[in-house]
Amino acid sequence: MIGSLPKKHVPELDGIRGWACLSVLIAHCLTGIMNWPAHPIAMDFADRTMWLFLGGVDLFFVLSGFLIGGILIDQKGQPHYFRRFWIRRIARIFPVAYVLLAT
């Protein structure tokens, strides 16, 4: 039964998250290169590989959905699981949002 499995850290997901982060960073760097007077080799590389690196954003969305879905499934039998889930989400996101707005 899926709900009875113990919570366990999956290091493979950290690797996927790292690849997604690195690919988005590379895509931003390539976009910056394309704003300069373009060298043909750099432009060709960027044109051929941009789709691969921009896939990191999609990978973040898929990984987030998988992890959030797993949290909700694990907590489903407990009272007020959905309310606790949203309270924890808000407590995690709002401080960062306030710091961003303050800066």
PDB file of N, CA and C in Angstrom:
ATOM      1  N   MET A   1       0.839  -1.177   0.000  1.00  0.00           N
ATOM      2  CA  MET A   1       0.000   0.000   0.000  1.00  0.00           C
ATOM      3  C   MET A   1       0.889   1.247   0.000  1.00  0.00           C
ATOM      4  N   ILE A   2       0.613   2.196  -0.850  1.00  0.00           N
ATOM      5  CA  ILE A   2       1.470   3.361  -1.008  1.00  0.00           C
ATOM      6  C   ILE A   2       1.460   4.237   0.238  1.00  0.00           C
ATOM      7  N   GLY A   3       0.318   4.417   0.865  1.00  0.00           N
ATOM      8  CA  GLY A   3       0.220   5.285   2.027  1.00  0.00           C
ATOM      9  C   GLY A   3       0.999   4.781   3.230  1.00  0.00           C
ATOM     10  N   SER A   4       1.318   3.470   3.262  1.00  0.00           N
ATOM     11  CA  SER A   4       1.999   2.918   4.422  1.00  0.00           C
ATOM     12  C   SER A   4       3.522   2.896   4.255  1.00  0.00           C
ATOM     13  N   LEU A   5       4.042   3.345   3.112  1.00  0.00           N
ATOM     14  CA  LEU A   5       5.490   3.370   2.931  1.00  0.00           C
ATOM     15  C   LEU A   5       6.103   4.456   3.801  1.00  0.00           C
ATOM     16  N   PRO A   6       7.267   4.190   4.378  1.00  0.00           N
ATOM     17  CA  PRO A   6       7.903   5.213   5.206  1.00  0.00           C
ATOM     18  C   PRO A   6       8.443   6.348   4.339  1.00  0.00           C
ATOM     19  N   LYS A   7       8.491   7.564   4.934  1.00  0.00           N
ATOM     20  CA  LYS A   7       9.085   8.695   4.229  1.00  0.00           C
ATOM     21  C   LYS A   7      10.578   8.447   4.103  1.00  0.00           C
ATOM     22  N   LYS A   8      11.103   8.720   2.943  1.00  0.00           N
ATOM     23  CA  LYS A   8      12.513   8.455   2.717  1.00  0.00           C
ATOM     24  C   LYS A   8      13.044   9.484   1.727  1.00  0.00           C
ATOM     25  N   HIS A   9      14.221   9.984   2.001  1.00  0.00           N
ATOM     26  CA  HIS A   9      14.873  10.927   1.093  1.00  0.00           C
ATOM     27  C   HIS A   9      15.371  10.158  -0.125  1.00  0.00           C
ATOM     28  N   VAL A  10      15.086  10.685  -1.317  1.00  0.00           N
ATOM     29  CA  VAL A  10      15.512  10.034  -2.550  1.00  0.00           C
ATOM     30  C   VAL A  10      16.614  10.888  -3.177  1.00  0.00           C
ATOM     31  N   PRO A  11      17.870  10.457  -3.069  1.00  0.00           N
ATOM     32  CA  PRO A  11      18.967  11.273  -3.587  1.00  0.00           C
ATOM     33  C   PRO A  11      18.915  11.469  -5.101  1.00  0.00           C
ATOM     34  N   GLU A  12      18.293  10.543  -5.818  1.00  0.00           N
ATOM     35  CA  GLU A  12      18.183  10.685  -7.268  1.00  0.00           C
ATOM     36  C   GLU A  12      17.395  11.940  -7.642  1.00  0.00           C
ATOM     37  N   LEU A  13      16.406  12.283  -6.818  1.00  0.00           N
ATOM     38  CA  LEU A  13      15.633  13.487  -7.092  1.00  0.00           C
ATOM     39  C   LEU A  13      16.480  14.741  -6.907  1.00  0.00           C
ATOM     40  N   ASP A  14      17.465  14.686  -6.014  1.00  0.00           N
ATOM     41  CA  ASP A  14      18.395  15.809  -5.861  1.00  0.00           C
ATOM     42  C   ASP A  14      19.218  15.988  -7.133  1.00  0.00           C
ATOM     43  N   GLY A  15      19.602  14.877  -7.742  1.00  0.00           N
ATOM     44  CA  GLY A  15      20.342  14.956  -9.005  1.00  0.00           C
ATOM     45  C   GLY A  15      19.494  15.548 -10.117  1.00  0.00           C
ATOM     46  N   ILE A  16      18.233  15.161 -10.171  1.00  0.00           N
ATOM     47  CA  ILE A  16      17.332  15.723 -11.182  1.00  0.00           C
ATOM     48  C   ILE A  16      17.135  17.213 -10.931  1.00  0.00           C
ATOM     49  N   ARG A  17      16.962  17.581  -9.675  1.00  0.00           N
ATOM     50  CA  ARG A  17      16.817  19.001  -9.334  1.00  0.00           C
ATOM     51  C   ARG A  17      18.082  19.782  -9.701  1.00  0.00           C
ATOM     52  N   GLY A  18      19.240  19.200  -9.460  1.00  0.00           N
ATOM     53  CA  GLY A  18      20.498  19.851  -9.822  1.00  0.00           C
ATOM     54  C   GLY A  18      20.616  20.051 -11.329  1.00  0.00           C
ATOM     55  N   TRP A  19      20.238  19.026 -12.101  1.00  0.00           N
ATOM     56  CA  TRP A  19      20.280  19.154 -13.561  1.00  0.00           C
ATOM     57  C   TRP A  19      19.321  20.254 -14.020  1.00  0.00           C
ATOM     58  N   ALA A  20      18.140  20.311 -13.447  1.00  0.00           N
ATOM     59  CA  ALA A  20      17.171  21.342 -13.836  1.00  0.00           C
ATOM     60  C   ALA A  20      17.724  22.729 -13.537  1.00  0.00           C
ATOM     61  N   CYS A  21      18.317  22.903 -12.376  1.00  0.00           N
ATOM     62  CA  CYS A  21      18.883  24.202 -11.997  1.00  0.00           C
ATOM     63  C   CYS A  21      20.034  24.586 -12.930  1.00  0.00           C
ATOM     64  N   LEU A  22      20.920  23.654 -13.190  1.00  0.00           N
ATOM     65  CA  LEU A  22      22.058  23.923 -14.062  1.00  0.00           C
ATOM     66  C   LEU A  22      21.610  24.231 -15.486  1.00  0.00           C
ATOM     67  N   SER A  23      20.612  23.513 -15.971  1.00  0.00           N
ATOM     68  CA  SER A  23      20.159  23.749 -17.341  1.00  0.00           C
ATOM     69  C   SER A  23      19.508  25.117 -17.490  1.00  0.00           C
ATOM     70  N   VAL A  24      18.755  25.559 -16.500  1.00  0.00           N
ATOM     71  CA  VAL A  24      18.166  26.899 -16.562  1.00  0.00           C
ATOM     72  C   VAL A  24      19.259  27.953 -16.503  1.00  0.00           C
ATOM     73  N   LEU A  25      20.271  27.750 -15.672  1.00  0.00           N
ATOM     74  CA  LEU A  25      21.392  28.683 -15.584  1.00  0.00           C
ATOM     75  C   LEU A  25      22.132  28.778 -16.924  1.00  0.00           C
ATOM     76  N   ILE A  26      22.373  27.648 -17.559  1.00  0.00           N
ATOM     77  CA  ILE A  26      23.045  27.643 -18.861  1.00  0.00           C
ATOM     78  C   ILE A  26      22.184  28.343 -19.905  1.00  0.00           C
ATOM     79  N   ALA A  27      20.872  28.104 -19.878  1.00  0.00           N
ATOM     80  CA  ALA A  27      19.981  28.759 -20.836  1.00  0.00           C
ATOM     81  C   ALA A  27      20.034  30.275 -20.670  1.00  0.00           C
ATOM     82  N   HIS A  28      20.093  30.756 -19.425  1.00  0.00           N
ATOM     83  CA  HIS A  28      20.201  32.196 -19.203  1.00  0.00           C
ATOM     84  C   HIS A  28      21.533  32.734 -19.718  1.00  0.00           C
ATOM     85  N   CYS A  29      22.595  31.978 -19.534  1.00  0.00           N
ATOM     86  CA  CYS A  29      23.898  32.408 -20.041  1.00  0.00           C
ATOM     87  C   CYS A  29      23.895  32.447 -21.565  1.00  0.00           C
ATOM     88  N   LEU A  30      23.290  31.444 -22.207  1.00  0.00           N
ATOM     89  CA  LEU A  30      23.225  31.437 -23.671  1.00  0.00           C
ATOM     90  C   LEU A  30      22.377  32.586 -24.189  1.00  0.00           C
ATOM     91  N   THR A  31      21.325  32.913 -23.479  1.00  0.00           N
ATOM     92  CA  THR A  31      20.489  34.036 -23.889  1.00  0.00           C
ATOM     93  C   THR A  31      21.298  35.323 -23.802  1.00  0.00           C
ATOM     94  N   GLY A  32      22.132  35.444 -22.791  1.00  0.00           N
ATOM     95  CA  GLY A  32      22.996  36.617 -22.668  1.00  0.00           C
ATOM     96  C   GLY A  32      24.011  36.687 -23.793  1.00  0.00           C
ATOM     97  N   ILE A  33      24.534  35.540 -24.218  1.00  0.00           N
ATOM     98  CA  ILE A  33      25.484  35.510 -25.324  1.00  0.00           C
ATOM     99  C   ILE A  33      24.813  35.981 -26.606  1.00  0.00           C
ATOM    100  N   MET A  34      23.552  35.612 -26.784  1.00  0.00           N
ATOM    101  CA  MET A  34      22.866  35.934 -28.028  1.00  0.00           C
ATOM    102  C   MET A  34      22.570  37.423 -28.147  1.00  0.00           C
ATOM    103  N   ASN A  35      22.635  38.190 -27.073  1.00  0.00           N
ATOM    104  CA  ASN A  35      22.388  39.626 -27.145  1.00  0.00           C
ATOM    105  C   ASN A  35      23.594  40.395 -27.655  1.00  0.00           C
ATOM    106  N   TRP A  36      24.764  39.824 -27.611  1.00  0.00           N
ATOM    107  CA  TRP A  36      25.969  40.470 -28.095  1.00  0.00           C
ATOM    108  C   TRP A  36      26.043  40.330 -29.609  1.00  0.00           C
ATOM    109  N   PRO A  37      26.974  41.030 -30.240  1.00  0.00           N
ATOM    110  CA  PRO A  37      27.187  40.733 -31.664  1.00  0.00           C
ATOM    111  C   PRO A  37      27.561  39.261 -31.770  1.00  0.00           C
ATOM    112  N   ALA A  38      26.723  38.520 -32.414  1.00  0.00           N
ATOM    113  CA  ALA A  38      26.789  37.067 -32.321  1.00  0.00           C
ATOM    114  C   ALA A  38      27.892  36.472 -33.188  1.00  0.00           C
ATOM    115  N   HIS A  39      28.601  35.552 -32.581  1.00  0.00           N
ATOM    116  CA  HIS A  39      29.560  34.733 -33.312  1.00  0.00           C
ATOM    117  C   HIS A  39      28.776  33.565 -33.905  1.00  0.00           C
ATOM    118  N   PRO A  40      29.008  33.199 -35.152  1.00  0.00           N
ATOM    119  CA  PRO A  40      28.197  32.137 -35.778  1.00  0.00           C
ATOM    120  C   PRO A  40      28.222  30.806 -35.028  1.00  0.00           C
ATOM    121  N   ILE A  41      29.363  30.449 -34.463  1.00  0.00           N
ATOM    122  CA  ILE A  41      29.441  29.166 -33.748  1.00  0.00           C
ATOM    123  C   ILE A  41      28.605  29.224 -32.469  1.00  0.00           C
ATOM    124  N   ALA A  42      28.682  30.334 -31.734  1.00  0.00           N
ATOM    125  CA  ALA A  42      27.892  30.471 -30.510  1.00  0.00           C
ATOM    126  C   ALA A  42      26.405  30.485 -30.826  1.00  0.00           C
ATOM    127  N   MET A  43      26.016  31.174 -31.884  1.00  0.00           N
ATOM    128  CA  MET A  43      24.599  31.226 -32.262  1.00  0.00           C
ATOM    129  C   MET A  43      24.090  29.849 -32.669  1.00  0.00           C
ATOM    130  N   ASP A  44      24.913  29.098 -33.409  1.00  0.00           N
ATOM    131  CA  ASP A  44      24.517  27.763 -33.832  1.00  0.00           C
ATOM    132  C   ASP A  44      24.362  26.841 -32.626  1.00  0.00           C
ATOM    133  N   PHE A  45      25.308  26.923 -31.687  1.00  0.00           N
ATOM    134  CA  PHE A  45      25.216  26.118 -30.472  1.00  0.00           C
ATOM    135  C   PHE A  45      23.958  26.467 -29.683  1.00  0.00           C
ATOM    136  N   ALA A  46      23.686  27.750 -29.530  1.00  0.00           N
ATOM    137  CA  ALA A  46      22.517  28.191 -28.775  1.00  0.00           C
ATOM    138  C   ALA A  46      21.227  27.740 -29.459  1.00  0.00           C
ATOM    139  N   ASP A  47      21.163  27.874 -30.779  1.00  0.00           N
ATOM    140  CA  ASP A  47      19.959  27.468 -31.504  1.00  0.00           C
ATOM    141  C   ASP A  47      19.695  25.969 -31.387  1.00  0.00           C
ATOM    142  N   ARG A  48      20.742  25.185 -31.400  1.00  0.00           N
ATOM    143  CA  ARG A  48      20.578  23.726 -31.370  1.00  0.00           C
ATOM    144  C   ARG A  48      20.363  23.164 -29.958  1.00  0.00           C
ATOM    145  N   THR A  49      20.765  23.880 -28.946  1.00  0.00           N
ATOM    146  CA  THR A  49      20.694  23.326 -27.594  1.00  0.00           C
ATOM    147  C   THR A  49      19.743  24.060 -26.655  1.00  0.00           C
ATOM    148  N   MET A  50      19.201  25.194 -27.066  1.00  0.00           N
ATOM    149  CA  MET A  50      18.355  25.983 -26.169  1.00  0.00           C
ATOM    150  C   MET A  50      17.158  25.178 -25.664  1.00  0.00           C
ATOM    151  N   TRP A  51      16.538  24.381 -26.525  1.00  0.00           N
ATOM    152  CA  TRP A  51      15.362  23.596 -26.120  1.00  0.00           C
ATOM    153  C   TRP A  51      15.716  22.622 -25.000  1.00  0.00           C
ATOM    154  N   LEU A  52      16.929  22.084 -25.044  1.00  0.00           N
ATOM    155  CA  LEU A  52      17.349  21.139 -24.003  1.00  0.00           C
ATOM    156  C   LEU A  52      17.483  21.846 -22.656  1.00  0.00           C
ATOM    157  N   PHE A  53      18.092  23.015 -22.668  1.00  0.00           N
ATOM    158  CA  PHE A  53      18.320  23.725 -21.413  1.00  0.00           C
ATOM    159  C   PHE A  53      17.045  24.356 -20.866  1.00  0.00           C
ATOM    160  N   LEU A  54      16.170  24.822 -21.716  1.00  0.00           N
ATOM    161  CA  LEU A  54      14.912  25.390 -21.237  1.00  0.00           C
ATOM    162  C   LEU A  54      13.972  24.312 -20.696  1.00  0.00           C
ATOM    163  N   GLY A  55      14.251  23.067 -21.004  1.00  0.00           N
ATOM    164  CA  GLY A  55      13.484  21.963 -20.444  1.00  0.00           C
ATOM    165  C   GLY A  55      13.641  21.850 -18.937  1.00  0.00           C
ATOM    166  N   GLY A  56      14.643  22.502 -18.365  1.00  0.00           N
ATOM    167  CA  GLY A  56      14.832  22.491 -16.917  1.00  0.00           C
ATOM    168  C   GLY A  56      13.658  23.102 -16.181  1.00  0.00           C
ATOM    169  N   VAL A  57      13.015  24.116 -16.780  1.00  0.00           N
ATOM    170  CA  VAL A  57      11.839  24.723 -16.160  1.00  0.00           C
ATOM    171  C   VAL A  57      10.707  23.702 -16.099  1.00  0.00           C
ATOM    172  N   ASP A  58      10.490  22.996 -17.198  1.00  0.00           N
ATOM    173  CA  ASP A  58       9.463  21.947 -17.209  1.00  0.00           C
ATOM    174  C   ASP A  58       9.784  20.859 -16.192  1.00  0.00           C
ATOM    175  N   LEU A  59      11.064  20.530 -16.091  1.00  0.00           N
ATOM    176  CA  LEU A  59      11.489  19.515 -15.131  1.00  0.00           C
ATOM    177  C   LEU A  59      11.188  19.942 -13.701  1.00  0.00           C
ATOM    178  N   PHE A  60      11.373  21.236 -13.384  1.00  0.00           N
ATOM    179  CA  PHE A  60      11.024  21.746 -12.066  1.00  0.00           C
ATOM    180  C   PHE A  60       9.534  21.567 -11.788  1.00  0.00           C
ATOM    181  N   PHE A  61       8.691  21.879 -12.771  1.00  0.00           N
ATOM    182  CA  PHE A  61       7.248  21.740 -12.581  1.00  0.00           C
ATOM    183  C   PHE A  61       6.851  20.283 -12.358  1.00  0.00           C
ATOM    184  N   VAL A  62       7.418  19.381 -13.130  1.00  0.00           N
ATOM    185  CA  VAL A  62       7.087  17.957 -12.977  1.00  0.00           C
ATOM    186  C   VAL A  62       7.551  17.446 -11.620  1.00  0.00           C
ATOM    187  N   LEU A  63       8.763  17.795 -11.231  1.00  0.00           N
ATOM    188  CA  LEU A  63       9.301  17.348  -9.944  1.00  0.00           C
ATOM    189  C   LEU A  63       8.497  17.923  -8.785  1.00  0.00           C
ATOM    190  N   SER A  64       8.102  19.186  -8.880  1.00  0.00           N
ATOM    191  CA  SER A  64       7.292  19.795  -7.825  1.00  0.00           C
ATOM    192  C   SER A  64       5.941  19.107  -7.698  1.00  0.00           C
ATOM    193  N   GLY A  65       5.312  18.833  -8.823  1.00  0.00           N
ATOM    194  CA  GLY A  65       4.028  18.130  -8.788  1.00  0.00           C
ATOM    195  C   GLY A  65       4.156  16.747  -8.172  1.00  0.00           C
ATOM    196  N   PHE A  66       5.227  16.047  -8.511  1.00  0.00           N
ATOM    197  CA  PHE A  66       5.459  14.716  -7.952  1.00  0.00           C
ATOM    198  C   PHE A  66       5.652  14.782  -6.443  1.00  0.00           C
ATOM    199  N   LEU A  67       6.475  15.720  -5.982  1.00  0.00           N
ATOM    200  CA  LEU A  67       6.759  15.818  -4.548  1.00  0.00           C
ATOM    201  C   LEU A  67       5.540  16.310  -3.764  1.00  0.00           C
ATOM    202  N   ILE A  68       4.828  17.300  -4.278  1.00  0.00           N
ATOM    203  CA  ILE A  68       3.643  17.810  -3.590  1.00  0.00           C
ATOM    204  C   ILE A  68       2.541  16.752  -3.570  1.00  0.00           C
ATOM    205  N   GLY A  69       2.380  16.051  -4.687  1.00  0.00           N
ATOM    206  CA  GLY A  69       1.396  14.966  -4.710  1.00  0.00           C
ATOM    207  C   GLY A  69       1.722  13.876  -3.702  1.00  0.00           C
ATOM    208  N   GLY A  70       3.007  13.549  -3.581  1.00  0.00           N
ATOM    209  CA  GLY A  70       3.419  12.551  -2.597  1.00  0.00           C
ATOM    210  C   GLY A  70       3.142  12.996  -1.176  1.00  0.00           C
ATOM    211  N   ILE A  71       3.373  14.270  -0.892  1.00  0.00           N
ATOM    212  CA  ILE A  71       3.084  14.801   0.450  1.00  0.00           C
ATOM    213  C   ILE A  71       1.595  14.687   0.737  1.00  0.00           C
ATOM    214  N   LEU A  72       0.769  15.083  -0.216  1.00  0.00           N
ATOM    215  CA  LEU A  72      -0.684  15.020   0.002  1.00  0.00           C
ATOM    216  C   LEU A  72      -1.172  13.593   0.167  1.00  0.00           C
ATOM    217  N   ILE A  73      -0.626  12.670  -0.610  1.00  0.00           N
ATOM    218  CA  ILE A  73      -1.038  11.260  -0.490  1.00  0.00           C
ATOM    219  C   ILE A  73      -0.598  10.696   0.858  1.00  0.00           C
ATOM    220  N   ASP A  74       0.621  11.033   1.308  1.00  0.00           N
ATOM    221  CA  ASP A  74       1.109  10.536   2.603  1.00  0.00           C
ATOM    222  C   ASP A  74       0.272  11.051   3.766  1.00  0.00           C
ATOM    223  N   GLN A  75      -0.232  12.275   3.677  1.00  0.00           N
ATOM    224  CA  GLN A  75      -0.960  12.901   4.778  1.00  0.00           C
ATOM    225  C   GLN A  75      -2.468  12.699   4.695  1.00  0.00           C
ATOM    226  N   LYS A  76      -2.958  12.020   3.686  1.00  0.00           N
ATOM    227  CA  LYS A  76      -4.399  11.976   3.423  1.00  0.00           C
ATOM    228  C   LYS A  76      -5.233  11.442   4.581  1.00  0.00           C
ATOM    229  N   GLY A  77      -4.786  10.470   5.303  1.00  0.00           N
ATOM    230  CA  GLY A  77      -5.574   9.883   6.371  1.00  0.00           C
ATOM    231  C   GLY A  77      -5.639  10.706   7.650  1.00  0.00           C
ATOM    232  N   GLN A  78      -4.834  11.731   7.757  1.00  0.00           N
ATOM    233  CA  GLN A  78      -4.768  12.517   8.984  1.00  0.00           C
ATOM    234  C   GLN A  78      -5.811  13.635   8.971  1.00  0.00           C
ATOM    235  N   PRO A  79      -6.280  14.034  10.144  1.00  0.00           N
ATOM    236  CA  PRO A  79      -7.265  15.112  10.193  1.00  0.00           C
ATOM    237  C   PRO A  79      -6.652  16.449   9.756  1.00  0.00           C
ATOM    238  N   HIS A  80      -7.423  17.219   9.025  1.00  0.00           N
ATOM    239  CA  HIS A  80      -7.032  18.551   8.552  1.00  0.00           C
ATOM    240  C   HIS A  80      -5.752  18.513   7.715  1.00  0.00           C
ATOM    241  N   TYR A  81      -5.571  17.455   6.949  1.00  0.00           N
ATOM    242  CA  TYR A  81      -4.324  17.325   6.199  1.00  0.00           C
ATOM    243  C   TYR A  81      -4.180  18.421   5.144  1.00  0.00           C
ATOM    244  N   PHE A  82      -5.271  18.789   4.509  1.00  0.00           N
ATOM    245  CA  PHE A  82      -5.201  19.793   3.457  1.00  0.00           C
ATOM    246  C   PHE A  82      -4.919  21.177   4.038  1.00  0.00           C
ATOM    247  N   ARG A  83      -5.521  21.494   5.169  1.00  0.00           N
ATOM    248  CA  ARG A  83      -5.282  22.783   5.827  1.00  0.00           C
ATOM    249  C   ARG A  83      -3.832  22.876   6.305  1.00  0.00           C
ATOM    250  N   ARG A  84      -3.337  21.800   6.901  1.00  0.00           N
ATOM    251  CA  ARG A  84      -1.942  21.800   7.355  1.00  0.00           C
ATOM    252  C   ARG A  84      -0.973  21.939   6.183  1.00  0.00           C
ATOM    253  N   PHE A  85      -1.313  21.285   5.067  1.00  0.00           N
ATOM    254  CA  PHE A  85      -0.471  21.395   3.884  1.00  0.00           C
ATOM    255  C   PHE A  85      -0.357  22.852   3.446  1.00  0.00           C
ATOM    256  N   TRP A  86      -1.481  23.568   3.369  1.00  0.00           N
ATOM    257  CA  TRP A  86      -1.456  24.961   2.920  1.00  0.00           C
ATOM    258  C   TRP A  86      -0.792  25.887   3.935  1.00  0.00           C
ATOM    259  N   ILE A  87      -0.973  25.611   5.211  1.00  0.00           N
ATOM    260  CA  ILE A  87      -0.304  26.425   6.235  1.00  0.00           C
ATOM    261  C   ILE A  87       1.216  26.271   6.108  1.00  0.00           C
ATOM    262  N   ARG A  88       1.667  25.047   5.911  1.00  0.00           N
ATOM    263  CA  ARG A  88       3.101  24.823   5.738  1.00  0.00           C
ATOM    264  C   ARG A  88       3.624  25.484   4.472  1.00  0.00           C
ATOM    265  N   ARG A  89       2.867  25.432   3.385  1.00  0.00           N
ATOM    266  CA  ARG A  89       3.269  26.073   2.128  1.00  0.00           C
ATOM    267  C   ARG A  89       3.384  27.580   2.294  1.00  0.00           C
ATOM    268  N   ILE A  90       2.370  28.164   2.918  1.00  0.00           N
ATOM    269  CA  ILE A  90       2.366  29.613   3.118  1.00  0.00           C
ATOM    270  C   ILE A  90       3.517  30.026   4.029  1.00  0.00           C
ATOM    271  N   ALA A  91       3.754  29.249   5.087  1.00  0.00           N
ATOM    272  CA  ALA A  91       4.848  29.567   6.003  1.00  0.00           C
ATOM    273  C   ALA A  91       6.211  29.463   5.314  1.00  0.00           C
ATOM    274  N   ARG A  92       6.307  28.657   4.275  1.00  0.00           N
ATOM    275  CA  ARG A  92       7.565  28.516   3.552  1.00  0.00           C
ATOM    276  C   ARG A  92       7.732  29.601   2.488  1.00  0.00           C
ATOM    277  N   ILE A  93       6.651  30.010   1.835  1.00  0.00           N
ATOM    278  CA  ILE A  93       6.741  30.927   0.696  1.00  0.00           C
ATOM    279  C   ILE A  93       6.683  32.389   1.119  1.00  0.00           C
ATOM    280  N   PHE A  94       5.837  32.752   2.067  1.00  0.00           N
ATOM    281  CA  PHE A  94       5.658  34.161   2.427  1.00  0.00           C
ATOM    282  C   PHE A  94       6.927  34.844   2.931  1.00  0.00           C
ATOM    283  N   PRO A  95       7.732  34.236   3.795  1.00  0.00           N
ATOM    284  CA  PRO A  95       8.951  34.941   4.233  1.00  0.00           C
ATOM    285  C   PRO A  95       9.871  35.301   3.062  1.00  0.00           C
ATOM    286  N   VAL A  96      10.016  34.409   2.122  1.00  0.00           N
ATOM    287  CA  VAL A  96      10.861  34.688   0.960  1.00  0.00           C
ATOM    288  C   VAL A  96      10.248  35.809   0.125  1.00  0.00           C
ATOM    289  N   ALA A  97       8.933  35.790  -0.029  1.00  0.00           N
ATOM    290  CA  ALA A  97       8.254  36.834  -0.794  1.00  0.00           C
ATOM    291  C   ALA A  97       8.416  38.197  -0.121  1.00  0.00           C
ATOM    292  N   TYR A  98       8.319  38.237   1.193  1.00  0.00           N
ATOM    293  CA  TYR A  98       8.490  39.505   1.921  1.00  0.00           C
ATOM    294  C   TYR A  98       9.921  40.023   1.788  1.00  0.00           C
ATOM    295  N   VAL A  99      10.912  39.133   1.858  1.00  0.00           N
ATOM    296  CA  VAL A  99      12.296  39.557   1.692  1.00  0.00           C
ATOM    297  C   VAL A  99      12.509  40.090   0.275  1.00  0.00           C
ATOM    298  N   LEU A 100      11.934  39.427  -0.707  1.00  0.00           N
ATOM    299  CA  LEU A 100      12.050  39.888  -2.077  1.00  0.00           C
ATOM    300  C   LEU A 100      11.417  41.262  -2.258  1.00  0.00           C
ATOM    301  N   LEU A 101      10.233  41.443  -1.703  1.00  0.00           N
ATOM    302  CA  LEU A 101       9.575  42.746  -1.813  1.00  0.00           C
ATOM    303  C   LEU A 101      10.322  43.838  -1.049  1.00  0.00           C
ATOM    304  N   ALA A 102      10.924  43.472   0.080  1.00  0.00           N
ATOM    305  CA  ALA A 102      11.655  44.458   0.869  1.00  0.00           C
ATOM    306  C   ALA A 102      12.933  44.921   0.177  1.00  0.00           C
ATOM    307  N   THR A 103      13.522  44.044  -0.615  1.00  0.00           N
ATOM    308  CA  THR A 103      14.760  44.421  -1.301  1.00  0.00           C
ATOM    309  C   THR A 103      14.442  45.120  -2.587  1.00  0.00           C
TER     310      THR A 103
END
